[in-house]
C-alpha atoms as a PDB file:
ATOM      1  CA  UNK A   1       0.119  -0.178  -0.028  1.00  0.00           C
ATOM      2  CA  UNK A   2       1.438   3.000  -0.868  1.00  0.00           C
ATOM      3  CA  UNK A   3       2.510   5.773   1.817  1.00  0.00           C
ATOM      4  CA  UNK A   4       0.314   8.847   1.792  1.00  0.00           C
ATOM      5  CA  UNK A   5       1.946  12.309   2.751  1.00  0.00           C
ATOM      6  CA  UNK A   6      -0.100  14.504   4.873  1.00  0.00           C
ATOM      7  CA  UNK A   7      -1.130  17.650   3.000  1.00  0.00           C
ATOM      8  CA  UNK A   8       0.157  21.114   3.513  1.00  0.00           C
ATOM      9  CA  UNK A   9      -1.425  24.135   2.471  1.00  0.00           C
ATOM     10  CA  UNK A  10       0.796  27.292   1.172  1.00  0.00           C
ATOM     11  CA  UNK A  11       1.144  28.880   4.386  1.00  0.00           C
ATOM     12  CA  UNK A  12       3.179  25.862   6.027  1.00  0.00           C
ATOM     13  CA  UNK A  13       0.451  25.149   8.493  1.00  0.00           C
ATOM     14  CA  UNK A  14       0.087  21.756  10.216  1.00  0.00           C
ATOM     15  CA  UNK A  15      -1.890  18.776   8.339  1.00  0.00           C
ATOM     16  CA  UNK A  16      -5.320  17.752  10.261  1.00  0.00           C
ATOM     17  CA  UNK A  17      -4.943  15.907  13.286  1.00  0.00           C
ATOM     18  CA  UNK A  18      -1.447  16.923  13.897  1.00  0.00           C
ATOM     19  CA  UNK A  19      -0.890  19.183  17.612  1.00  0.00           C
ATOM     20  CA  UNK A  20      -2.427  22.296  16.718  1.00  0.00           C
ATOM     21  CA  UNK A  21      -5.831  20.973  15.506  1.00  0.00           C
ATOM     22  CA  UNK A  22      -5.766  18.981  18.713  1.00  0.00           C
ATOM     23  CA  UNK A  23      -5.031  22.147  21.161  1.00  0.00           C
ATOM     24  CA  UNK A  24      -7.773  23.599  18.938  1.00  0.00           C
ATOM     25  CA  UNK A  25      -9.849  20.482  19.570  1.00  0.00           C
ATOM     26  CA  UNK A  26      -8.694  20.566  23.061  1.00  0.00           C
ATOM     27  CA  UNK A  27      -9.730  24.520  23.472  1.00  0.00           C
ATOM     28  CA  UNK A  28     -12.966  23.417  22.053  1.00  0.00           C
ATOM     29  CA  UNK A  29     -13.782  21.279  24.786  1.00  0.00           C
ATOM     30  CA  UNK A  30     -12.645  23.662  27.765  1.00  0.00           C
ATOM     31  CA  UNK A  31     -14.451  26.274  25.918  1.00  0.00           C
ATOM     32  CA  UNK A  32     -17.552  24.389  25.792  1.00  0.00           C
ATOM     33  CA  UNK A  33     -17.149  23.452  29.628  1.00  0.00           C
ATOM     34  CA  UNK A  34     -16.946  26.810  30.606  1.00  0.00           C
ATOM     35  CA  UNK A  35     -19.988  27.423  28.783  1.00  0.00           C
ATOM     36  CA  UNK A  36     -21.918  24.828  30.759  1.00  0.00           C
ATOM     37  CA  UNK A  37     -20.194  25.769  33.870  1.00  0.00           C
ATOM     38  CA  UNK A  38     -21.639  29.741  33.337  1.00  0.00           C
ATOM     39  CA  UNK A  39     -25.190  27.913  32.283  1.00  0.00           C
ATOM     40  CA  UNK A  40     -25.056  25.645  35.578  1.00  0.00           C
ATOM     41  CA  UNK A  41     -24.445  28.834  37.692  1.00  0.00           C
ATOM     42  CA  UNK A  42     -27.381  30.023  35.779  1.00  0.00           C
ATOM     43  CA  UNK A  43     -29.636  27.437  36.376  1.00  0.00           C
ATOM     44  CA  UNK A  44     -28.079  25.728  39.489  1.00  0.00           C
ATOM     45  CA  UNK A  45     -27.826  22.083  37.904  1.00  0.00           C
ATOM     46  CA  UNK A  46     -25.909  19.933  40.440  1.00  0.00           C
ATOM     47  CA  UNK A  47     -24.468  17.647  37.310  1.00  0.00           C
ATOM     48  CA  UNK A  48     -22.968  20.931  35.538  1.00  0.00           C
ATOM     49  CA  UNK A  49     -21.724  21.954  39.122  1.00  0.00           C
ATOM     50  CA  UNK A  50     -19.778  18.395  39.592  1.00  0.00           C
ATOM     51  CA  UNK A  51     -18.567  18.807  36.143  1.00  0.00           C
ATOM     52  CA  UNK A  52     -17.033  22.046  37.098  1.00  0.00           C
ATOM     53  CA  UNK A  53     -14.306  20.385  39.064  1.00  0.00           C
ATOM     54  CA  UNK A  54     -12.514  19.376  36.507  1.00  0.00           C
ATOM     55  CA  UNK A  55     -11.728  22.935  35.344  1.00  0.00           C
ATOM     56  CA  UNK A  56     -11.716  24.293  38.725  1.00  0.00           C
ATOM     57  CA  UNK A  57     -10.033  21.709  41.223  1.00  0.00           C
ATOM     58  CA  UNK A  58      -9.039  21.759  44.524  1.00  0.00           C
ATOM     59  CA  UNK A  59      -5.769  20.688  44.852  1.00  0.00           C
ATOM     60  CA  UNK A  60      -4.317  20.978  48.419  1.00  0.00           C
ATOM     61  CA  UNK A  61      -7.685  21.313  49.665  1.00  0.00           C
ATOM     62  CA  UNK A  62      -6.567  20.216  53.384  1.00  0.00           C
ATOM     63  CA  UNK A  63      -3.753  23.122  53.384  1.00  0.00           C
ATOM     64  CA  UNK A  64      -5.714  25.573  52.088  1.00  0.00           C
ATOM     65  CA  UNK A  65      -8.732  24.814  54.457  1.00  0.00           C
ATOM     66  CA  UNK A  66      -6.691  24.532  57.441  1.00  0.00           C
ATOM     67  CA  UNK A  67      -4.245  27.937  56.319  1.00  0.00           C
ATOM     68  CA  UNK A  68      -7.532  29.921  55.897  1.00  0.00           C
ATOM     69  CA  UNK A  69      -8.955  29.253  58.827  1.00  0.00           C
ATOM     70  CA  UNK A  70      -5.849  30.372  60.708  1.00  0.00           C
ATOM     71  CA  UNK A  71      -6.092  33.538  58.920  1.00  0.00           C
ATOM     72  CA  UNK A  72      -9.959  34.087  58.900  1.00  0.00           C
ATOM     73  CA  UNK A  73     -10.064  34.287  54.750  1.00  0.00           C
ATOM     74  CA  UNK A  74     -12.540  31.829  52.886  1.00  0.00           C
ATOM     75  CA  UNK A  75     -10.360  28.873  51.263  1.00  0.00           C
ATOM     76  CA  UNK A  76     -12.283  29.488  48.163  1.00  0.00           C
ATOM     77  CA  UNK A  77     -10.973  32.886  47.731  1.00  0.00           C
ATOM     78  CA  UNK A  78      -7.407  31.367  48.620  1.00  0.00           C
ATOM     79  CA  UNK A  79      -7.836  28.387  45.435  1.00  0.00           C
ATOM     80  CA  UNK A  80      -9.068  30.797  43.229  1.00  0.00           C
ATOM     81  CA  UNK A  81      -6.305  33.415  43.922  1.00  0.00           C
ATOM     82  CA  UNK A  82      -4.120  30.152  43.638  1.00  0.00           C
ATOM     83  CA  UNK A  83      -5.418  29.166  40.573  1.00  0.00           C
ATOM     84  CA  UNK A  84      -4.939  32.699  38.677  1.00  0.00           C
ATOM     85  CA  UNK A  85      -1.502  32.956  39.976  1.00  0.00           C
ATOM     86  CA  UNK A  86       0.510  29.637  39.263  1.00  0.00           C
ATOM     87  CA  UNK A  87      -2.222  27.261  37.766  1.00  0.00           C
ATOM     88  CA  UNK A  88      -1.073  25.326  40.871  1.00  0.00           C
ATOM     89  CA  UNK A  89       2.351  24.587  39.736  1.00  0.00           C
ATOM     90  CA  UNK A  90       4.746  24.926  42.941  1.00  0.00           C
ATOM     91  CA  UNK A  91       7.827  25.364  41.025  1.00  0.00           C
ATOM     92  CA  UNK A  92       6.246  28.479  39.080  1.00  0.00           C
ATOM     93  CA  UNK A  93       8.246  31.666  39.229  1.00  0.00           C
ATOM     94  CA  UNK A  94       7.386  34.970  37.201  1.00  0.00           C
ATOM     95  CA  UNK A  95       9.386  37.053  35.379  1.00  0.00           C
ATOM     96  CA  UNK A  96       8.965  39.620  38.568  1.00  0.00           C
ATOM     97  CA  UNK A  97      10.548  37.423  40.718  1.00  0.00           C
ATOM     98  CA  UNK A  98       7.386  35.658  42.610  1.00  0.00           C
ATOM     99  CA  UNK A  99       7.768  31.999  43.961  1.00  0.00           C
ATOM    100  CA  UNK A 100       5.199  29.268  44.203  1.00  0.00           C
ATOM    101  CA  UNK A 101       1.374  28.481  44.692  1.00  0.00           C
ATOM    102  CA  UNK A 102       0.629  31.861  45.402  1.00  0.00           C
ATOM    103  CA  UNK A 103       3.499  33.544  43.823  1.00  0.00           C
ATOM    104  CA  UNK A 104       4.677  35.479  46.758  1.00  0.00           C
ATOM    105  CA  UNK A 105       7.521  38.050  46.049  1.00  0.00           C
ATOM    106  CA  UNK A 106      10.321  36.839  48.443  1.00  0.00           C
ATOM    107  CA  UNK A 107      10.400  40.152  50.265  1.00  0.00           C
ATOM    108  CA  UNK A 108       7.068  39.817  50.613  1.00  0.00           C
ATOM    109  CA  UNK A 109       7.043  36.265  51.891  1.00  0.00           C
ATOM    110  CA  UNK A 110      10.294  37.243  54.609  1.00  0.00           C
ATOM    111  CA  UNK A 111       7.910  40.247  55.915  1.00  0.00           C
ATOM    112  CA  UNK A 112       4.468  38.126  56.262  1.00  0.00           C
ATOM    113  CA  UNK A 113       6.425  35.648  57.825  1.00  0.00           C
ATOM    114  CA  UNK A 114       7.748  37.772  60.400  1.00  0.00           C
ATOM    115  CA  UNK A 115       4.435  39.461  60.672  1.00  0.00           C
ATOM    116  CA  UNK A 116       2.929  35.958  61.285  1.00  0.00           C
ATOM    117  CA  UNK A 117       5.701  34.772  63.346  1.00  0.00           C
ATOM    118  CA  UNK A 118       6.818  32.144  60.868  1.00  0.00           C
ATOM    119  CA  UNK A 119      10.163  31.069  60.491  1.00  0.00           C
ATOM    120  CA  UNK A 120      11.534  31.457  56.698  1.00  0.00           C
ATOM    121  CA  UNK A 121      10.876  28.707  54.651  1.00  0.00           C
ATOM    122  CA  UNK A 122      11.308  27.531  51.335  1.00  0.00           C
ATOM    123  CA  UNK A 123       8.639  29.197  48.988  1.00  0.00           C
ATOM    124  CA  UNK A 124       8.321  25.812  46.749  1.00  0.00           C
ATOM    125  CA  UNK A 125       7.013  23.950  49.276  1.00  0.00           C
ATOM    126  CA  UNK A 126       3.319  23.964  49.309  1.00  0.00           C
ATOM    127  CA  UNK A 127       2.408  24.225  52.819  1.00  0.00           C
ATOM    128  CA  UNK A 128       4.918  26.951  53.479  1.00  0.00           C
ATOM    129  CA  UNK A 129       3.767  28.575  50.344  1.00  0.00           C
ATOM    130  CA  UNK A 130       0.039  28.221  50.871  1.00  0.00           C
ATOM    131  CA  UNK A 131       0.134  29.439  54.441  1.00  0.00           C
ATOM    132  CA  UNK A 132       1.871  32.587  53.707  1.00  0.00           C
ATOM    133  CA  UNK A 133      -0.248  33.621  50.851  1.00  0.00           C
ATOM    134  CA  UNK A 134      -3.566  32.694  53.221  1.00  0.00           C
ATOM    135  CA  UNK A 135      -1.816  34.882  55.818  1.00  0.00           C
ATOM    136  CA  UNK A 136      -1.074  37.893  53.438  1.00  0.00           C
ATOM    137  CA  UNK A 137      -4.818  37.434  51.796  1.00  0.00           C
ATOM    138  CA  UNK A 138      -6.125  37.700  55.306  1.00  0.00           C
ATOM    139  CA  UNK A 139      -3.453  41.059  56.159  1.00  0.00           C
ATOM    140  CA  UNK A 140      -5.018  42.686  53.077  1.00  0.00           C
ATOM    141  CA  UNK A 141      -8.341  41.662  54.233  1.00  0.00           C
ATOM    142  CA  UNK A 142      -8.142  43.803  57.344  1.00  0.00           C
ATOM    143  CA  UNK A 143      -6.503  46.626  55.343  1.00  0.00           C
ATOM    144  CA  UNK A 144      -9.370  47.019  52.733  1.00  0.00           C
ATOM    145  CA  UNK A 145     -12.467  46.126  55.405  1.00  0.00           C
ATOM    146  CA  UNK A 146     -12.791  42.991  53.347  1.00  0.00           C
ATOM    147  CA  UNK A 147     -13.013  44.953  49.866  1.00  0.00           C
ATOM    148  CA  UNK A 148     -12.758  41.668  47.763  1.00  0.00           C
ATOM    149  CA  UNK A 149     -12.354  44.027  44.937  1.00  0.00           C
ATOM    150  CA  UNK A 150      -9.659  45.956  46.641  1.00  0.00           C
ATOM    151  CA  UNK A 151      -7.834  42.627  48.381  1.00  0.00           C
ATOM    152  CA  UNK A 152      -7.381  41.136  45.093  1.00  0.00           C
ATOM    153  CA  UNK A 153      -5.997  44.758  43.576  1.00  0.00           C
ATOM    154  CA  UNK A 154      -3.231  44.869  46.248  1.00  0.00           C
ATOM    155  CA  UNK A 155      -2.546  40.970  45.914  1.00  0.00           C
ATOM    156  CA  UNK A 156      -1.702  41.586  42.330  1.00  0.00           C
ATOM    157  CA  UNK A 157      -0.907  45.497  41.996  1.00  0.00           C
ATOM    158  CA  UNK A 158       0.490  46.149  45.683  1.00  0.00           C
ATOM    159  CA  UNK A 159      -1.156  47.516  48.774  1.00  0.00           C
ATOM    160  CA  UNK A 160       0.803  50.962  48.520  1.00  0.00           C
ATOM    161  CA  UNK A 161      -0.594  51.645  45.189  1.00  0.00           C
ATOM    162  CA  UNK A 162      -4.488  50.426  45.921  1.00  0.00           C
ATOM    163  CA  UNK A 163      -4.209  52.980  48.582  1.00  0.00           C
ATOM    164  CA  UNK A 164      -3.110  55.908  46.320  1.00  0.00           C
ATOM    165  CA  UNK A 165      -5.352  54.706  43.371  1.00  0.00           C
ATOM    166  CA  UNK A 166      -8.653  54.792  45.743  1.00  0.00           C
ATOM    167  CA  UNK A 167     -10.570  54.449  42.997  1.00  0.00           C
ATOM    168  CA  UNK A 168      -9.725  50.941  41.373  1.00  0.00           C
ATOM    169  CA  UNK A 169     -10.585  52.613  37.585  1.00  0.00           C
ATOM    170  CA  UNK A 170      -7.446  54.064  38.199  1.00  0.00           C
ATOM    171  CA  UNK A 171      -5.464  50.778  38.549  1.00  0.00           C
ATOM    172  CA  UNK A 172      -2.671  49.473  36.351  1.00  0.00           C
ATOM    173  CA  UNK A 173      -4.485  47.710  33.505  1.00  0.00           C
ATOM    174  CA  UNK A 174      -3.009  44.368  34.037  1.00  0.00           C
ATOM    175  CA  UNK A 175      -4.074  44.758  37.442  1.00  0.00           C
ATOM    176  CA  UNK A 176      -7.497  45.680  36.368  1.00  0.00           C
ATOM    177  CA  UNK A 177      -7.724  42.231  34.114  1.00  0.00           C
ATOM    178  CA  UNK A 178      -6.702  40.303  36.973  1.00  0.00           C
ATOM    179  CA  UNK A 179      -9.388  41.209  39.773  1.00  0.00           C
ATOM    180  CA  UNK A 180     -11.783  41.019  37.025  1.00  0.00           C
ATOM    181  CA  UNK A 181     -10.384  37.322  36.168  1.00  0.00           C
ATOM    182  CA  UNK A 182     -10.166  36.448  39.745  1.00  0.00           C
ATOM    183  CA  UNK A 183     -13.496  37.347  40.797  1.00  0.00           C
ATOM    184  CA  UNK A 184     -14.736  35.317  38.153  1.00  0.00           C
ATOM    185  CA  UNK A 185     -12.693  32.370  39.322  1.00  0.00           C
ATOM    186  CA  UNK A 186     -13.654  32.851  42.712  1.00  0.00           C
ATOM    187  CA  UNK A 187     -17.561  32.919  42.070  1.00  0.00           C
ATOM    188  CA  UNK A 188     -16.808  29.983  39.971  1.00  0.00           C
ATOM    189  CA  UNK A 189     -15.449  28.147  43.245  1.00  0.00           C
ATOM    190  CA  UNK A 190     -18.011  29.289  45.521  1.00  0.00           C
ATOM    191  CA  UNK A 191     -20.632  27.900  42.826  1.00  0.00           C
ATOM    192  CA  UNK A 192     -18.818  24.713  42.490  1.00  0.00           C
ATOM    193  CA  UNK A 193     -18.036  24.092  46.105  1.00  0.00           C
ATOM    194  CA  UNK A 194     -19.965  25.889  48.669  1.00  0.00           C
ATOM    195  CA  UNK A 195     -22.289  22.710  49.062  1.00  0.00           C
ATOM    196  CA  UNK A 196     -19.680  19.822  49.148  1.00  0.00           C
ATOM    197  CA  UNK A 197     -17.565  22.025  51.961  1.00  0.00           C
ATOM    198  CA  UNK A 198     -17.990  20.732  56.164  1.00  0.00           C
END
C-alpha cells in the first residue's frame, strides 16, 4: 500500500489531526465546559456543578482549608488566587521574581513570615507557600475592610498602590484584568464547592 504524505497548505500550516488541531479541539472542549459551567451557575444544575470541578479543581484542599481558617479567609478565595497566580504549579516563578503556588515575592514572604511569627521557609514548598499566601490575603482583608476587589488588586498591584489609587479604575490595566479574572474564578469556586464544604 503506498504511503500517503500529509498535505500542507501554501502557508506551511500543519496537517489535520496534528498538534495544532488537537490543541484546537482541546480548547473547544474547555470552552464548551466553561459555557456549561456558566449555564450551571444560572440554572443551578448539580451535574454541571460536578463537572465544574474538572476545570476548577481544589488541590491541596486540606492545607488550604487549614491555612484559611488560621488567617480568617475564605478557603475558596485562597484556591481561586492560587489558580490565577500559578495554575497550581508549586515551582512556578514569574518574570518579576514571584515564587510558588501563591506567587509570593521573596521580600513580601519574608515580611509576612516575620509578621505571622513563622520561620522563613522554602517558597516552593506547597504548605509553606499556601500558609503565607493565606496570611497575606488575611492581612489585606483587614487593610481594605474586606473589600475583595481591593484585596485582589493589592495582592497583584501592591497595597501602597491601591491606597494611592483609591478608585480601582486608576489601577494598572494588568491589575484591573487580574481582579476581573480572579473574581470570576472565585465566584465559580464558590458555586462549585459551596455545598461540598464541611
